[in-house]
Amino acid sequence: MKGSNDLWEDIGSLSDIELSHVITKLYTTYEERLKHRPDDKESLNFFRNLYNAVNESTICNLNRR
């Protein structure tokens, strides 16, 4: 498995379409896990962190306007 620095480089080299695919794949992976185990902490943390990231980005974008 690659380290976080290598993955960060890989993410930085993705096109917008590829990045969208990665986000969709992560979302559906954790969504499926929650269907089978609604108390799965890893999945719950993923969605909490995703919510926080989206919310933070939205607030930053509003402040720029």
N, C-alpha and C. Protein backbone atom coordinates (compact mmCIF):
# COMPACT_ATOMS: atom_id res chain seq x y z
N MET A 1 0.84 -1.18 0.00
CA MET A 1 0.00 0.00 0.00
C MET A 1 0.89 1.25 0.00
N LYS A 2 0.44 2.26 -0.71
CA LYS A 2 1.19 3.52 -0.79
C LYS A 2 1.00 4.32 0.49
N GLY A 3 1.99 5.15 0.77
CA GLY A 3 1.89 6.04 1.91
C GLY A 3 1.04 7.26 1.58
N SER A 4 0.72 8.03 2.59
CA SER A 4 -0.15 9.19 2.41
C SER A 4 0.45 10.23 1.47
N ASN A 5 1.77 10.42 1.51
CA ASN A 5 2.40 11.39 0.60
C ASN A 5 2.27 10.96 -0.86
N ASP A 6 2.47 9.66 -1.10
CA ASP A 6 2.33 9.15 -2.46
C ASP A 6 0.89 9.27 -2.94
N LEU A 7 -0.05 8.94 -2.08
CA LEU A 7 -1.46 9.07 -2.45
C LEU A 7 -1.83 10.53 -2.71
N TRP A 8 -1.28 11.43 -1.91
CA TRP A 8 -1.55 12.85 -2.11
C TRP A 8 -1.07 13.28 -3.49
N GLU A 9 0.10 12.80 -3.89
CA GLU A 9 0.62 13.09 -5.24
C GLU A 9 -0.30 12.51 -6.31
N ASP A 10 -0.74 11.28 -6.10
CA ASP A 10 -1.65 10.64 -7.06
C ASP A 10 -2.94 11.43 -7.20
N ILE A 11 -3.50 11.87 -6.09
CA ILE A 11 -4.74 12.65 -6.12
C ILE A 11 -4.52 13.95 -6.88
N GLY A 12 -3.39 14.59 -6.64
CA GLY A 12 -3.08 15.84 -7.32
C GLY A 12 -2.93 15.71 -8.82
N SER A 13 -2.63 14.52 -9.29
CA SER A 13 -2.44 14.33 -10.72
C SER A 13 -3.72 13.90 -11.45
N LEU A 14 -4.80 13.70 -10.71
CA LEU A 14 -6.06 13.25 -11.33
C LEU A 14 -6.77 14.39 -12.05
N SER A 15 -7.44 14.03 -13.14
CA SER A 15 -8.31 15.00 -13.82
C SER A 15 -9.58 15.17 -13.00
N ASP A 16 -10.38 16.17 -13.32
CA ASP A 16 -11.64 16.38 -12.61
C ASP A 16 -12.55 15.17 -12.71
N ILE A 17 -12.61 14.55 -13.87
CA ILE A 17 -13.47 13.38 -14.06
C ILE A 17 -12.97 12.21 -13.22
N GLU A 18 -11.65 12.01 -13.21
CA GLU A 18 -11.09 10.93 -12.40
C GLU A 18 -11.31 11.18 -10.91
N LEU A 19 -11.15 12.42 -10.49
CA LEU A 19 -11.37 12.77 -9.10
C LEU A 19 -12.83 12.54 -8.70
N SER A 20 -13.74 12.89 -9.58
CA SER A 20 -15.15 12.64 -9.33
C SER A 20 -15.42 11.15 -9.18
N HIS A 21 -14.76 10.34 -10.01
CA HIS A 21 -14.92 8.89 -9.92
C HIS A 21 -14.40 8.36 -8.58
N VAL A 22 -13.27 8.87 -8.12
CA VAL A 22 -12.70 8.44 -6.84
C VAL A 22 -13.66 8.76 -5.70
N ILE A 23 -14.20 9.97 -5.69
CA ILE A 23 -15.13 10.36 -4.63
C ILE A 23 -16.38 9.49 -4.67
N THR A 24 -16.89 9.24 -5.86
CA THR A 24 -18.08 8.40 -6.01
C THR A 24 -17.81 6.98 -5.52
N LYS A 25 -16.64 6.44 -5.87
CA LYS A 25 -16.28 5.09 -5.44
C LYS A 25 -16.18 5.01 -3.93
N LEU A 26 -15.52 5.99 -3.30
CA LEU A 26 -15.43 5.99 -1.84
C LEU A 26 -16.82 6.08 -1.21
N TYR A 27 -17.65 6.97 -1.74
CA TYR A 27 -19.00 7.16 -1.20
C TYR A 27 -19.79 5.85 -1.27
N THR A 28 -19.80 5.22 -2.43
CA THR A 28 -20.60 4.00 -2.59
C THR A 28 -20.03 2.84 -1.76
N THR A 29 -18.72 2.79 -1.60
CA THR A 29 -18.11 1.75 -0.77
C THR A 29 -18.59 1.86 0.67
N TYR A 30 -18.53 3.07 1.22
CA TYR A 30 -18.95 3.25 2.62
C TYR A 30 -20.46 3.19 2.78
N GLU A 31 -21.20 3.61 1.77
CA GLU A 31 -22.65 3.49 1.80
C GLU A 31 -23.06 2.02 1.87
N GLU A 32 -22.40 1.19 1.09
CA GLU A 32 -22.70 -0.25 1.09
C GLU A 32 -22.37 -0.87 2.44
N ARG A 33 -21.25 -0.46 3.02
CA ARG A 33 -20.89 -0.98 4.35
C ARG A 33 -21.95 -0.65 5.37
N LEU A 34 -22.47 0.58 5.31
CA LEU A 34 -23.51 0.98 6.28
C LEU A 34 -24.81 0.21 6.08
N LYS A 35 -25.11 -0.17 4.86
CA LYS A 35 -26.31 -0.97 4.62
C LYS A 35 -26.24 -2.29 5.37
N HIS A 36 -25.05 -2.88 5.40
CA HIS A 36 -24.87 -4.18 6.05
C HIS A 36 -24.61 -4.06 7.55
N ARG A 37 -23.98 -2.96 7.95
CA ARG A 37 -23.66 -2.75 9.37
C ARG A 37 -23.88 -1.27 9.70
N PRO A 38 -25.11 -0.89 10.09
CA PRO A 38 -25.43 0.51 10.34
C PRO A 38 -24.59 1.17 11.45
N ASP A 39 -23.94 0.37 12.28
CA ASP A 39 -23.13 0.93 13.36
C ASP A 39 -21.63 0.90 13.05
N ASP A 40 -21.27 0.68 11.79
CA ASP A 40 -19.86 0.60 11.38
C ASP A 40 -19.18 1.95 11.59
N LYS A 41 -18.29 1.99 12.56
CA LYS A 41 -17.65 3.25 12.94
C LYS A 41 -16.82 3.87 11.82
N GLU A 42 -16.13 3.05 11.07
CA GLU A 42 -15.31 3.57 9.97
C GLU A 42 -16.18 4.28 8.94
N SER A 43 -17.31 3.68 8.60
CA SER A 43 -18.22 4.29 7.63
C SER A 43 -18.85 5.55 8.19
N LEU A 44 -19.26 5.50 9.44
CA LEU A 44 -19.85 6.69 10.07
C LEU A 44 -18.84 7.84 10.11
N ASN A 45 -17.60 7.52 10.42
CA ASN A 45 -16.55 8.54 10.42
C ASN A 45 -16.31 9.10 9.03
N PHE A 46 -16.35 8.24 8.01
CA PHE A 46 -16.18 8.72 6.64
C PHE A 46 -17.26 9.74 6.30
N PHE A 47 -18.52 9.41 6.58
CA PHE A 47 -19.60 10.33 6.23
C PHE A 47 -19.57 11.60 7.08
N ARG A 48 -19.15 11.49 8.33
CA ARG A 48 -19.00 12.69 9.16
C ARG A 48 -17.90 13.59 8.59
N ASN A 49 -16.77 12.98 8.24
CA ASN A 49 -15.67 13.76 7.68
C ASN A 49 -16.02 14.34 6.31
N LEU A 50 -16.75 13.57 5.51
CA LEU A 50 -17.20 14.07 4.21
C LEU A 50 -18.14 15.26 4.38
N TYR A 51 -19.08 15.14 5.31
CA TYR A 51 -19.99 16.26 5.60
C TYR A 51 -19.20 17.50 6.01
N ASN A 52 -18.25 17.31 6.91
CA ASN A 52 -17.45 18.45 7.38
C ASN A 52 -16.66 19.09 6.25
N ALA A 53 -16.08 18.27 5.38
CA ALA A 53 -15.29 18.80 4.26
C ALA A 53 -16.18 19.57 3.28
N VAL A 54 -17.35 19.02 2.96
CA VAL A 54 -18.27 19.70 2.05
C VAL A 54 -18.74 21.01 2.68
N ASN A 55 -19.09 20.95 3.95
CA ASN A 55 -19.57 22.14 4.65
C ASN A 55 -18.48 23.22 4.71
N GLU A 56 -17.27 22.82 5.01
CA GLU A 56 -16.15 23.76 5.07
C GLU A 56 -15.88 24.39 3.71
N SER A 57 -15.93 23.59 2.67
CA SER A 57 -15.71 24.10 1.32
C SER A 57 -16.80 25.08 0.91
N THR A 58 -18.03 24.75 1.27
CA THR A 58 -19.16 25.62 0.95
C THR A 58 -19.00 26.97 1.66
N ILE A 59 -18.63 26.93 2.91
CA ILE A 59 -18.45 28.18 3.67
C ILE A 59 -17.31 28.99 3.08
N CYS A 60 -16.20 28.35 2.72
CA CYS A 60 -15.07 29.06 2.11
C CYS A 60 -15.49 29.72 0.79
N ASN A 61 -16.25 28.98 -0.01
CA ASN A 61 -16.69 29.53 -1.30
C ASN A 61 -17.63 30.71 -1.10
N LEU A 62 -18.49 30.66 -0.10
CA LEU A 62 -19.40 31.79 0.17
C LEU A 62 -18.63 33.00 0.65
N ASN A 63 -17.60 32.79 1.44
CA ASN A 63 -16.80 33.91 1.95
C ASN A 63 -15.99 34.58 0.85
N ARG A 64 -15.67 33.87 -0.22
CA ARG A 64 -14.91 34.45 -1.33
C ARG A 64 -15.77 35.37 -2.18
N ARG A 65 -17.06 35.19 -2.14
CA ARG A 65 -17.95 35.98 -3.01
C ARG A 65 -18.19 37.35 -2.47
